[in-house]
Amino acid sequence: MIVFGLWFSGTQAATFAKGYLLYKADSVSAEDFAPKLQTTNAKVSLPDAEAVESPEVSIEEPEIIEKPAETTQLPKDIRYPSDPQIGDLMGELIIPKLGASLPIIHGTDEDELEKGVGHYAGSVLPGEDDNSVLSGHRDTVFRELGKVGKGDEFIVHTADGTFTYRVRQVRIVDEDDRTVIVPKPRATLTVSTCYPFDFVGYAPERYILVADLVSSS
């Protein structure tokens, strides 16, 4: 054995054996570390872009609230009573010469005259045959009545229709003159107010306009 050992170490066989043993040792070492290196140097595999599902984003569209069309609120038609009672709004007096439109209240007491032109309850309604008498304060509704004279018109709207009168007479009478309210043979409108217009205090006279019916509808 000693002789064989001396021979083996002195030949190329020893060198070959030594190299073989070193080769095996390196192989084992490489195998031990191979998984670690593979893990460390492994490429990260990302999924294809088409395969990635984007999260669903729910976008709520703003609720559209339709605003109702604005409408213009017109005043209701005035319905005058065909049989007015004291204090009722019974019609409208239009004076084209003055560009005035005045309410007619049934009755001629102070309460009615404060609201507009008073209709004397003892007279017929406008449009009817006979004498329909209207009166008003000279410092309110009839402030400019002195500008109205012969040939000018009055237009009266009531439940029974529209009636146009034309002035044929202008009178200035005493406050106690009862001829103002006397019956007439035809449809007549008598309009009265205190006079003189610029009088301070209680006026002693009356300014009277007598008008005949010229048309109705």
Foldseek 3Di string as FASTA:
>chain_A
DVVVVVVCVPDCNVVVVVVVVVVVVVVVVCVVCVVVVCVVPPDDDDDDPVPDDDDDDDDDDDDDDDDDDDDDDDDDDDAADPDDDAQGQFKWKAFVVVRDIWTEGEDDPPVRQVRTKYWHNVFDDAPDFKETEIEHECVPHVVPVVVDDAQTWMWMQGNVWIWIWGWHDKDKAFPPDPVQRDIDRGRKYKYKYADDSPDPDHGGIMIITIIHTDDTD
